[in-house]
Amino acid sequence: MPKDREALLSSAVRRSITDLVAADPDRWTASRLAEELDLHVTTVRFHLDQLEQAGVLESGVERRDRPGRPSKVYRRRAEAVPVNTAAYVVLADVLAETLGGDEDARVEAATRAGEAWSRHHLDHVAPEGSQGEVPVRELLDVLARWGYPRETVTVEGDPAGRCQATLTHCPMKAAAVRHPDVVCAIHLGLVRGSLEGLGVQDPAVRVTPMVAPDVCTVEMSGALHAGEQVAEGLDLAHVRRRPEAASADATTSDVTSPDAPSPDATEGRSTSDRPSEATS
């Protein structure tokens, strides 16, 4: 267990919370824990947030058949399994070859796949009182499920209008560098589908991978935003210019298909964007 997690669990309150959640997962809400431990609910929420950010706990949406907004429930997070980078690259190769077509066609198909995954695998509940603004906390939950811990994501701007998430340390970087039109487009669809499911009307999303080493950005706006809308699409210009695009092909050649296209083959190809009348 990392030292920061050990330090968190040195607190008797946090150990009690963790023990209760581990013994009966998906039952405990902040209010139930506060009642059980005779603490103020705000205090319990603070400890829960700390435990969730450190990867000790994870949250989900309470399943209920009665009226009212579902509450957040907690479970002990399973210990992380080491990432097999080569496997991600092979998977991206398979997807890229299976989707076929030119880059624009692969972007379109991969984006739809991300949206479909969002619809089928996420519990979409619009935050109360959101009025169509970007639900930052819920979106961070989605990104965490895809390997972006909360501490690697920052969100700036106005959630009620136009905002930008900055993501660092992509868990699928090697695959994304080799096939950004597939991997990054899936993330584009995932974010768009999540925003739709969380109550954002006609969200516009723009993903720009590799704006700097280990840094990607996701710009977002909704239909209720009165200002300038995000120009939707996938901007691959930075990926094409980065030296990793060539080195990734060399370092993964022993685990990928000899017929897989190298990044150099797409040098100079235009940025893939969905049609949009808006400008960024």
C-alpha atoms as a PDB file:
ATOM      1  CA  MET A   1       0.000   0.000   0.000  1.00  0.00           C
ATOM      2  CA  PRO A   2       1.441   3.436  -0.927  1.00  0.00           C
ATOM      3  CA  LYS A   3       2.637   5.570   1.957  1.00  0.00           C
ATOM      4  CA  ASP A   4      -0.057   8.209   1.457  1.00  0.00           C
ATOM      5  CA  ARG A   5      -2.728   5.524   1.840  1.00  0.00           C
ATOM      6  CA  GLU A   6      -1.027   4.200   4.960  1.00  0.00           C
ATOM      7  CA  ALA A   7      -1.017   7.704   6.412  1.00  0.00           C
ATOM      8  CA  LEU A   8      -4.722   8.125   5.675  1.00  0.00           C
ATOM      9  CA  LEU A   9      -5.565   4.865   7.422  1.00  0.00           C
ATOM     10  CA  SER A  10      -3.591   5.881  10.509  1.00  0.00           C
ATOM     11  CA  SER A  11      -6.712   7.895  11.395  1.00  0.00           C
ATOM     12  CA  ALA A  12      -9.128   5.924  13.576  1.00  0.00           C
ATOM     13  CA  VAL A  13     -12.104   7.573  11.841  1.00  0.00           C
ATOM     14  CA  ARG A  14     -10.886   6.618   8.375  1.00  0.00           C
ATOM     15  CA  ARG A  15     -10.116   3.077   9.485  1.00  0.00           C
ATOM     16  CA  SER A  16     -13.645   2.798  10.882  1.00  0.00           C
ATOM     17  CA  ILE A  17     -15.140   4.107   7.626  1.00  0.00           C
ATOM     18  CA  THR A  18     -13.037   1.715   5.564  1.00  0.00           C
ATOM     19  CA  ASP A  19     -13.905  -1.275   7.741  1.00  0.00           C
ATOM     20  CA  LEU A  20     -17.643  -0.570   7.536  1.00  0.00           C
ATOM     21  CA  VAL A  21     -17.551  -0.109   3.767  1.00  0.00           C
ATOM     22  CA  ALA A  22     -15.435  -3.234   3.214  1.00  0.00           C
ATOM     23  CA  ALA A  23     -17.773  -5.367   5.327  1.00  0.00           C
ATOM     24  CA  ASP A  24     -20.940  -4.224   3.531  1.00  0.00           C
ATOM     25  CA  PRO A  25     -20.132  -2.600   0.159  1.00  0.00           C
ATOM     26  CA  ASP A  26     -22.634  -0.495  -1.793  1.00  0.00           C
ATOM     27  CA  ARG A  27     -24.754   0.074   1.327  1.00  0.00           C
ATOM     28  CA  TRP A  28     -23.005   2.958   3.017  1.00  0.00           C
ATOM     29  CA  THR A  29     -23.765   6.547   2.096  1.00  0.00           C
ATOM     30  CA  ALA A  30     -22.175   9.558   3.778  1.00  0.00           C
ATOM     31  CA  SER A  31     -25.297  10.147   5.859  1.00  0.00           C
ATOM     32  CA  ARG A  32     -25.504   6.507   7.011  1.00  0.00           C
ATOM     33  CA  LEU A  33     -21.852   6.521   7.963  1.00  0.00           C
ATOM     34  CA  ALA A  34     -22.287   9.789   9.852  1.00  0.00           C
ATOM     35  CA  GLU A  35     -25.167   8.310  11.836  1.00  0.00           C
ATOM     36  CA  GLU A  36     -23.286   5.095  12.575  1.00  0.00           C
ATOM     37  CA  LEU A  37     -20.115   6.893  13.692  1.00  0.00           C
ATOM     38  CA  ASP A  38     -21.909   9.763  15.434  1.00  0.00           C
ATOM     39  CA  LEU A  39     -20.146  12.354  13.282  1.00  0.00           C
ATOM     40  CA  HIS A  40     -21.334  15.338  11.250  1.00  0.00           C
ATOM     41  CA  VAL A  41     -22.035  14.355   7.653  1.00  0.00           C
ATOM     42  CA  THR A  42     -19.697  17.093   6.368  1.00  0.00           C
ATOM     43  CA  THR A  43     -16.846  15.560   8.347  1.00  0.00           C
ATOM     44  CA  VAL A  44     -17.599  12.121   6.954  1.00  0.00           C
ATOM     45  CA  ARG A  45     -17.735  13.463   3.383  1.00  0.00           C
ATOM     46  CA  PHE A  46     -14.313  15.035   3.881  1.00  0.00           C
ATOM     47  CA  HIS A  47     -12.841  11.698   4.958  1.00  0.00           C
ATOM     48  CA  LEU A  48     -14.608   9.852   2.133  1.00  0.00           C
ATOM     49  CA  ASP A  49     -13.211  12.262  -0.448  1.00  0.00           C
ATOM     50  CA  GLN A  50      -9.701  11.761   0.932  1.00  0.00           C
ATOM     51  CA  LEU A  51     -10.050   7.982   0.877  1.00  0.00           C
ATOM     52  CA  GLU A  52     -11.473   8.011  -2.639  1.00  0.00           C
ATOM     53  CA  GLN A  53      -8.733  10.286  -3.993  1.00  0.00           C
ATOM     54  CA  ALA A  54      -6.093   8.005  -2.484  1.00  0.00           C
ATOM     55  CA  GLY A  55      -7.668   4.962  -4.157  1.00  0.00           C
ATOM     56  CA  VAL A  56      -8.718   3.267  -0.925  1.00  0.00           C
ATOM     57  CA  LEU A  57     -12.451   3.554  -1.694  1.00  0.00           C
ATOM     58  CA  GLU A  58     -14.489   4.022  -4.841  1.00  0.00           C
ATOM     59  CA  SER A  59     -18.018   5.287  -5.250  1.00  0.00           C
ATOM     60  CA  GLY A  60     -21.073   4.345  -7.266  1.00  0.00           C
ATOM     61  CA  VAL A  61     -24.715   5.308  -7.559  1.00  0.00           C
ATOM     62  CA  GLU A  62     -27.218   3.730  -5.191  1.00  0.00           C
ATOM     63  CA  ARG A  63     -29.706   1.477  -6.947  1.00  0.00           C
ATOM     64  CA  ARG A  64     -33.230   2.222  -5.763  1.00  0.00           C
ATOM     65  CA  ASP A  65     -36.792   1.745  -6.922  1.00  0.00           C
ATOM     66  CA  ARG A  66     -38.336   4.601  -4.956  1.00  0.00           C
ATOM     67  CA  PRO A  67     -38.665   8.246  -6.017  1.00  0.00           C
ATOM     68  CA  GLY A  68     -35.900  10.711  -5.334  1.00  0.00           C
ATOM     69  CA  ARG A  69     -32.318  11.299  -6.294  1.00  0.00           C
ATOM     70  CA  PRO A  70     -30.063   8.252  -5.776  1.00  0.00           C
ATOM     71  CA  SER A  71     -27.261   8.711  -3.266  1.00  0.00           C
ATOM     72  CA  LYS A  72     -23.590   7.927  -3.677  1.00  0.00           C
ATOM     73  CA  VAL A  73     -22.522   4.657  -2.078  1.00  0.00           C
ATOM     74  CA  TYR A  74     -19.018   3.382  -1.405  1.00  0.00           C
ATOM     75  CA  ARG A  75     -17.020   0.169  -1.701  1.00  0.00           C
ATOM     76  CA  ARG A  76     -13.436  -0.841  -1.005  1.00  0.00           C
ATOM     77  CA  ARG A  77     -11.398  -0.448  -4.146  1.00  0.00           C
ATOM     78  CA  ALA A  78      -9.612  -3.533  -5.412  1.00  0.00           C
ATOM     79  CA  GLU A  79      -5.845  -3.345  -5.517  1.00  0.00           C
ATOM     80  CA  ALA A  80      -4.652  -2.105  -8.887  1.00  0.00           C
ATOM     81  CA  VAL A  81      -3.336  -4.639 -11.369  1.00  0.00           C
ATOM     82  CA  PRO A  82      -0.130  -3.625 -13.211  1.00  0.00           C
ATOM     83  CA  VAL A  83      -0.874  -2.249 -16.663  1.00  0.00           C
ATOM     84  CA  ASN A  84       0.277  -4.388 -19.584  1.00  0.00           C
ATOM     85  CA  THR A  85       1.220  -1.660 -22.043  1.00  0.00           C
ATOM     86  CA  ALA A  86       1.979  -4.111 -24.847  1.00  0.00           C
ATOM     87  CA  ALA A  87      -1.534  -5.548 -24.554  1.00  0.00           C
ATOM     88  CA  TYR A  88      -3.066  -2.080 -25.017  1.00  0.00           C
ATOM     89  CA  VAL A  89      -0.974  -1.556 -28.151  1.00  0.00           C
ATOM     90  CA  VAL A  90      -2.045  -4.904 -29.596  1.00  0.00           C
ATOM     91  CA  LEU A  91      -5.677  -4.102 -28.831  1.00  0.00           C
ATOM     92  CA  ALA A  92      -5.359  -0.718 -30.563  1.00  0.00           C
ATOM     93  CA  ASP A  93      -3.777  -2.433 -33.590  1.00  0.00           C
ATOM     94  CA  VAL A  94      -6.642  -4.913 -33.766  1.00  0.00           C
ATOM     95  CA  LEU A  95      -9.261  -2.173 -33.495  1.00  0.00           C
ATOM     96  CA  ALA A  96      -7.573   0.040 -36.080  1.00  0.00           C
ATOM     97  CA  GLU A  97      -7.335  -2.813 -38.582  1.00  0.00           C
ATOM     98  CA  THR A  98     -10.871  -4.017 -37.899  1.00  0.00           C
ATOM     99  CA  LEU A  99     -12.457  -0.576 -38.234  1.00  0.00           C
ATOM    100  CA  GLY A 100     -10.717  -0.061 -41.549  1.00  0.00           C
ATOM    101  CA  GLY A 101     -11.311   2.913 -43.816  1.00  0.00           C
ATOM    102  CA  ASP A 102      -9.416   6.177 -43.697  1.00  0.00           C
ATOM    103  CA  GLU A 103      -8.598   8.126 -40.540  1.00  0.00           C
ATOM    104  CA  ASP A 104     -11.857  10.088 -40.558  1.00  0.00           C
ATOM    105  CA  ALA A 105     -13.872   6.866 -40.793  1.00  0.00           C
ATOM    106  CA  ARG A 106     -11.958   5.301 -37.892  1.00  0.00           C
ATOM    107  CA  VAL A 107     -12.445   8.412 -35.767  1.00  0.00           C
ATOM    108  CA  GLU A 108     -16.185   8.356 -36.441  1.00  0.00           C
ATOM    109  CA  ALA A 109     -16.519   4.643 -35.640  1.00  0.00           C
ATOM    110  CA  ALA A 110     -14.362   4.837 -32.507  1.00  0.00           C
ATOM    111  CA  THR A 111     -16.279   7.865 -31.223  1.00  0.00           C
ATOM    112  CA  ARG A 112     -19.558   6.008 -31.621  1.00  0.00           C
ATOM    113  CA  ALA A 113     -18.051   3.057 -29.743  1.00  0.00           C
ATOM    114  CA  GLY A 114     -17.135   5.321 -26.823  1.00  0.00           C
ATOM    115  CA  GLU A 115     -20.645   6.770 -26.727  1.00  0.00           C
ATOM    116  CA  ALA A 116     -22.167   3.278 -26.798  1.00  0.00           C
ATOM    117  CA  TRP A 117     -19.975   2.108 -23.917  1.00  0.00           C
ATOM    118  CA  SER A 118     -21.068   5.133 -21.908  1.00  0.00           C
ATOM    119  CA  ARG A 119     -24.755   4.390 -22.493  1.00  0.00           C
ATOM    120  CA  HIS A 120     -24.473   0.711 -21.571  1.00  0.00           C
ATOM    121  CA  HIS A 121     -22.035   0.754 -18.665  1.00  0.00           C
ATOM    122  CA  LEU A 122     -22.537   3.949 -16.687  1.00  0.00           C
ATOM    123  CA  ASP A 123     -25.252   4.869 -14.210  1.00  0.00           C
ATOM    124  CA  HIS A 124     -26.298   8.209 -15.647  1.00  0.00           C
ATOM    125  CA  VAL A 125     -28.037  10.452 -13.148  1.00  0.00           C
ATOM    126  CA  ALA A 126     -28.168  14.187 -13.780  1.00  0.00           C
ATOM    127  CA  PRO A 127     -26.885  16.061 -10.713  1.00  0.00           C
ATOM    128  CA  GLU A 128     -29.685  17.882  -8.914  1.00  0.00           C
ATOM    129  CA  GLY A 129     -29.857  21.549  -9.877  1.00  0.00           C
ATOM    130  CA  SER A 130     -27.230  21.201 -12.624  1.00  0.00           C
ATOM    131  CA  GLN A 131     -29.427  22.859 -15.303  1.00  0.00           C
ATOM    132  CA  GLY A 132     -27.278  21.340 -18.029  1.00  0.00           C
ATOM    133  CA  GLU A 133     -23.897  22.488 -16.748  1.00  0.00           C
ATOM    134  CA  VAL A 134     -20.881  20.183 -17.008  1.00  0.00           C
ATOM    135  CA  PRO A 135     -21.078  17.839 -13.964  1.00  0.00           C
ATOM    136  CA  VAL A 136     -17.406  17.986 -13.016  1.00  0.00           C
ATOM    137  CA  ARG A 137     -17.462  15.577 -10.089  1.00  0.00           C
ATOM    138  CA  GLU A 138     -19.411  12.909 -11.955  1.00  0.00           C
ATOM    139  CA  LEU A 139     -17.175  13.288 -15.009  1.00  0.00           C
ATOM    140  CA  LEU A 140     -14.100  12.754 -12.821  1.00  0.00           C
ATOM    141  CA  ASP A 141     -15.718   9.524 -11.619  1.00  0.00           C
ATOM    142  CA  VAL A 142     -16.034   8.359 -15.230  1.00  0.00           C
ATOM    143  CA  LEU A 143     -12.432   9.245 -16.071  1.00  0.00           C
ATOM    144  CA  ALA A 144     -11.229   7.450 -12.939  1.00  0.00           C
ATOM    145  CA  ARG A 145     -12.863   4.244 -14.184  1.00  0.00           C
ATOM    146  CA  TRP A 146     -10.784   4.592 -17.351  1.00  0.00           C
ATOM    147  CA  GLY A 147      -7.515   4.937 -15.453  1.00  0.00           C
ATOM    148  CA  TYR A 148      -7.203   8.668 -14.749  1.00  0.00           C
ATOM    149  CA  PRO A 149      -6.946   9.138 -10.962  1.00  0.00           C
ATOM    150  CA  ARG A 150      -8.524  12.348  -9.727  1.00  0.00           C
ATOM    151  CA  GLU A 151      -5.159  13.858  -8.871  1.00  0.00           C
ATOM    152  CA  THR A 152      -4.122  13.632 -12.550  1.00  0.00           C
ATOM    153  CA  VAL A 153      -7.102  15.675 -13.820  1.00  0.00           C
ATOM    154  CA  THR A 154      -7.771  19.399 -13.385  1.00  0.00           C
ATOM    155  CA  VAL A 155     -10.816  21.295 -14.640  1.00  0.00           C
ATOM    156  CA  GLU A 156     -10.796  25.017 -15.372  1.00  0.00           C
ATOM    157  CA  GLY A 157     -13.409  27.404 -16.706  1.00  0.00           C
ATOM    158  CA  ASP A 158     -17.125  27.687 -16.087  1.00  0.00           C
ATOM    159  CA  PRO A 159     -19.004  24.345 -15.760  1.00  0.00           C
ATOM    160  CA  ALA A 160     -22.194  26.246 -16.631  1.00  0.00           C
ATOM    161  CA  GLY A 161     -20.612  27.415 -19.883  1.00  0.00           C
ATOM    162  CA  ARG A 162     -17.320  26.364 -21.397  1.00  0.00           C
ATOM    163  CA  CYS A 163     -14.621  24.529 -19.472  1.00  0.00           C
ATOM    164  CA  GLN A 164     -11.518  22.468 -20.079  1.00  0.00           C
ATOM    165  CA  ALA A 165     -10.198  19.337 -18.409  1.00  0.00           C
ATOM    166  CA  THR A 166      -6.445  18.761 -18.464  1.00  0.00           C
ATOM    167  CA  LEU A 167      -5.475  15.088 -18.215  1.00  0.00           C
ATOM    168  CA  THR A 168      -1.971  13.900 -17.364  1.00  0.00           C
ATOM    169  CA  HIS A 169      -0.302  10.490 -17.476  1.00  0.00           C
ATOM    170  CA  CYS A 170      -2.581   8.701 -19.932  1.00  0.00           C
ATOM    171  CA  PRO A 171      -2.890   5.037 -18.889  1.00  0.00           C
ATOM    172  CA  MET A 172      -2.952   4.034 -22.576  1.00  0.00           C
ATOM    173  CA  LYS A 173      -0.272   6.391 -23.876  1.00  0.00           C
ATOM    174  CA  ALA A 174       1.658   3.840 -25.943  1.00  0.00           C
ATOM    175  CA  ALA A 175      -1.507   2.728 -27.720  1.00  0.00           C
ATOM    176  CA  ALA A 176      -2.756   6.326 -28.066  1.00  0.00           C
ATOM    177  CA  VAL A 177       0.478   7.482 -29.705  1.00  0.00           C
ATOM    178  CA  ARG A 178       0.379   4.597 -32.175  1.00  0.00           C
ATOM    179  CA  HIS A 179      -3.358   4.826 -32.963  1.00  0.00           C
ATOM    180  CA  PRO A 180      -4.724   8.160 -31.680  1.00  0.00           C
ATOM    181  CA  ASP A 181      -7.533   8.092 -34.230  1.00  0.00           C
ATOM    182  CA  VAL A 182      -8.920   5.031 -32.416  1.00  0.00           C
ATOM    183  CA  VAL A 183      -7.894   5.352 -28.763  1.00  0.00           C
ATOM    184  CA  CYS A 184      -8.424   9.101 -28.390  1.00  0.00           C
ATOM    185  CA  ALA A 185     -11.643   9.059 -30.408  1.00  0.00           C
ATOM    186  CA  ILE A 186     -13.033   6.424 -28.027  1.00  0.00           C
ATOM    187  CA  HIS A 187     -12.303   8.816 -25.162  1.00  0.00           C
ATOM    188  CA  LEU A 188     -14.030  11.600 -27.103  1.00  0.00           C
ATOM    189  CA  GLY A 189     -17.159   9.487 -27.435  1.00  0.00           C
ATOM    190  CA  LEU A 190     -16.938   8.401 -23.807  1.00  0.00           C
ATOM    191  CA  VAL A 191     -16.899  12.002 -22.568  1.00  0.00           C
ATOM    192  CA  ARG A 192     -19.660  13.124 -24.910  1.00  0.00           C
ATOM    193  CA  GLY A 193     -21.887  10.176 -24.042  1.00  0.00           C
ATOM    194  CA  SER A 194     -21.283  10.706 -20.338  1.00  0.00           C
ATOM    195  CA  LEU A 195     -22.182  14.391 -20.524  1.00  0.00           C
ATOM    196  CA  GLU A 196     -25.390  13.588 -22.391  1.00  0.00           C
ATOM    197  CA  GLY A 197     -26.321  10.978 -19.821  1.00  0.00           C
ATOM    198  CA  LEU A 198     -25.575  13.408 -16.997  1.00  0.00           C
ATOM    199  CA  GLY A 199     -27.992  16.028 -18.302  1.00  0.00           C
ATOM    200  CA  VAL A 200     -25.883  18.281 -20.555  1.00  0.00           C
ATOM    201  CA  GLN A 201     -27.956  19.233 -23.600  1.00  0.00           C
ATOM    202  CA  ASP A 202     -26.166  18.731 -26.938  1.00  0.00           C
ATOM    203  CA  PRO A 203     -22.653  18.750 -25.483  1.00  0.00           C
ATOM    204  CA  ALA A 204     -19.776  19.771 -27.722  1.00  0.00           C
ATOM    205  CA  VAL A 205     -16.469  18.063 -26.905  1.00  0.00           C
ATOM    206  CA  ARG A 206     -13.012  18.569 -28.359  1.00  0.00           C
ATOM    207  CA  VAL A 207     -10.143  16.254 -27.425  1.00  0.00           C
ATOM    208  CA  THR A 208      -6.570  17.369 -28.095  1.00  0.00           C
ATOM    209  CA  PRO A 209      -4.025  14.665 -27.257  1.00  0.00           C
ATOM    210  CA  MET A 210      -0.364  15.337 -26.420  1.00  0.00           C
ATOM    211  CA  VAL A 211      -0.459  19.125 -26.172  1.00  0.00           C
ATOM    212  CA  ALA A 212       2.673  18.518 -24.057  1.00  0.00           C
ATOM    213  CA  PRO A 213       4.422  15.341 -22.890  1.00  0.00           C
ATOM    214  CA  ASP A 214       1.844  13.300 -20.945  1.00  0.00           C
ATOM    215  CA  VAL A 215      -0.775  16.060 -21.212  1.00  0.00           C
ATOM    216  CA  CYS A 216      -4.087  15.997 -23.105  1.00  0.00           C
ATOM    217  CA  THR A 217      -6.993  18.441 -22.975  1.00  0.00           C
ATOM    218  CA  VAL A 218     -10.753  17.994 -23.251  1.00  0.00           C
ATOM    219  CA  GLU A 219     -12.793  21.130 -23.994  1.00  0.00           C
ATOM    220  CA  MET A 220     -16.529  21.009 -23.255  1.00  0.00           C
ATOM    221  CA  SER A 221     -19.622  23.169 -23.634  1.00  0.00           C
ATOM    222  CA  GLY A 222     -23.383  22.577 -23.721  1.00  0.00           C
ATOM    223  CA  ALA A 223     -26.329  23.902 -25.710  1.00  0.00           C
ATOM    224  CA  LEU A 224     -27.379  26.155 -22.826  1.00  0.00           C
ATOM    225  CA  HIS A 225     -24.058  27.983 -22.980  1.00  0.00           C
ATOM    226  CA  ALA A 226     -24.780  31.469 -24.348  1.00  0.00           C
ATOM    227  CA  GLY A 227     -21.192  32.174 -25.402  1.00  0.00           C
ATOM    228  CA  GLU A 228     -18.907  30.681 -28.006  1.00  0.00           C
ATOM    229  CA  GLN A 229     -19.271  26.922 -28.371  1.00  0.00           C
ATOM    230  CA  VAL A 230     -16.438  24.430 -28.457  1.00  0.00           C
ATOM    231  CA  ALA A 231     -15.471  23.382 -31.986  1.00  0.00           C
ATOM    232  CA  GLU A 232     -16.195  19.674 -31.663  1.00  0.00           C
ATOM    233  CA  GLY A 233     -13.810  16.992 -32.809  1.00  0.00           C
ATOM    234  CA  LEU A 234     -10.466  15.286 -32.362  1.00  0.00           C
ATOM    235  CA  ASP A 235      -7.366  17.424 -32.912  1.00  0.00           C
ATOM    236  CA  LEU A 236      -4.422  15.170 -33.771  1.00  0.00           C
ATOM    237  CA  ALA A 237      -1.956  17.868 -34.831  1.00  0.00           C
ATOM    238  CA  HIS A 238       0.155  17.655 -31.667  1.00  0.00           C
ATOM    239  CA  VAL A 239       0.363  13.853 -31.815  1.00  0.00           C
ATOM    240  CA  ARG A 240       1.658  13.915 -35.369  1.00  0.00           C
ATOM    241  CA  ARG A 241       4.447  16.326 -34.443  1.00  0.00           C
ATOM    242  CA  ARG A 242       5.671  14.483 -31.330  1.00  0.00           C
ATOM    243  CA  PRO A 243       8.796  12.281 -31.589  1.00  0.00           C
ATOM    244  CA  GLU A 244       7.059   9.561 -29.542  1.00  0.00           C
ATOM    245  CA  ALA A 245       4.923   8.810 -32.585  1.00  0.00           C
ATOM    246  CA  ALA A 246       7.959   7.298 -34.271  1.00  0.00           C
ATOM    247  CA  SER A 247       9.627   5.774 -31.208  1.00  0.00           C
ATOM    248  CA  ALA A 248       6.419   4.043 -30.068  1.00  0.00           C
ATOM    249  CA  ASP A 249       6.278   2.127 -33.339  1.00  0.00           C
ATOM    250  CA  ALA A 250       9.855   0.951 -32.913  1.00  0.00           C
ATOM    251  CA  THR A 251       9.493  -0.107 -29.276  1.00  0.00           C
ATOM    252  CA  THR A 252       6.289  -2.083 -29.853  1.00  0.00           C
ATOM    253  CA  SER A 253       7.097  -3.684 -33.197  1.00  0.00           C
ATOM    254  CA  ASP A 254       7.739  -7.064 -31.580  1.00  0.00           C
ATOM    255  CA  VAL A 255       4.186  -7.301 -30.217  1.00  0.00           C
ATOM    256  CA  THR A 256       2.211  -5.802 -33.088  1.00  0.00           C
ATOM    257  CA  SER A 257       1.214  -6.886 -36.525  1.00  0.00           C
ATOM    258  CA  PRO A 258       3.899  -6.331 -39.212  1.00  0.00           C
ATOM    259  CA  ASP A 259       1.178  -4.901 -41.415  1.00  0.00           C
ATOM    260  CA  ALA A 260       0.077  -2.295 -38.854  1.00  0.00           C
ATOM    261  CA  PRO A 261       0.497   1.262 -40.175  1.00  0.00           C
ATOM    262  CA  SER A 262       3.358   3.263 -38.679  1.00  0.00           C
ATOM    263  CA  PRO A 263       2.768   6.796 -37.434  1.00  0.00           C
ATOM    264  CA  ASP A 264       5.103   8.087 -40.144  1.00  0.00           C
ATOM    265  CA  ALA A 265       2.633   6.860 -42.751  1.00  0.00           C
ATOM    266  CA  THR A 266       0.088   9.386 -41.572  1.00  0.00           C
ATOM    267  CA  GLU A 267       2.444  12.340 -41.299  1.00  0.00           C
ATOM    268  CA  GLY A 268       0.818  15.418 -42.730  1.00  0.00           C
ATOM    269  CA  ARG A 269      -2.674  13.977 -42.629  1.00  0.00           C
ATOM    270  CA  SER A 270      -5.299  16.547 -41.768  1.00  0.00           C
ATOM    271  CA  THR A 271      -6.824  16.847 -38.319  1.00  0.00           C
ATOM    272  CA  SER A 272      -9.938  14.717 -37.851  1.00  0.00           C
ATOM    273  CA  ASP A 273     -12.939  16.733 -36.709  1.00  0.00           C
ATOM    274  CA  ARG A 274     -16.641  16.218 -36.758  1.00  0.00           C
ATOM    275  CA  PRO A 275     -18.442  18.865 -38.836  1.00  0.00           C
ATOM    276  CA  SER A 276     -19.225  21.907 -36.758  1.00  0.00           C
ATOM    277  CA  GLU A 277     -20.250  25.440 -37.574  1.00  0.00           C
ATOM    278  CA  ALA A 278     -18.747  26.700 -34.337  1.00  0.00           C
ATOM    279  CA  THR A 279     -15.200  27.935 -34.082  1.00  0.00           C
ATOM    280  CA  SER A 280     -12.867  27.681 -31.130  1.00  0.00           C
END
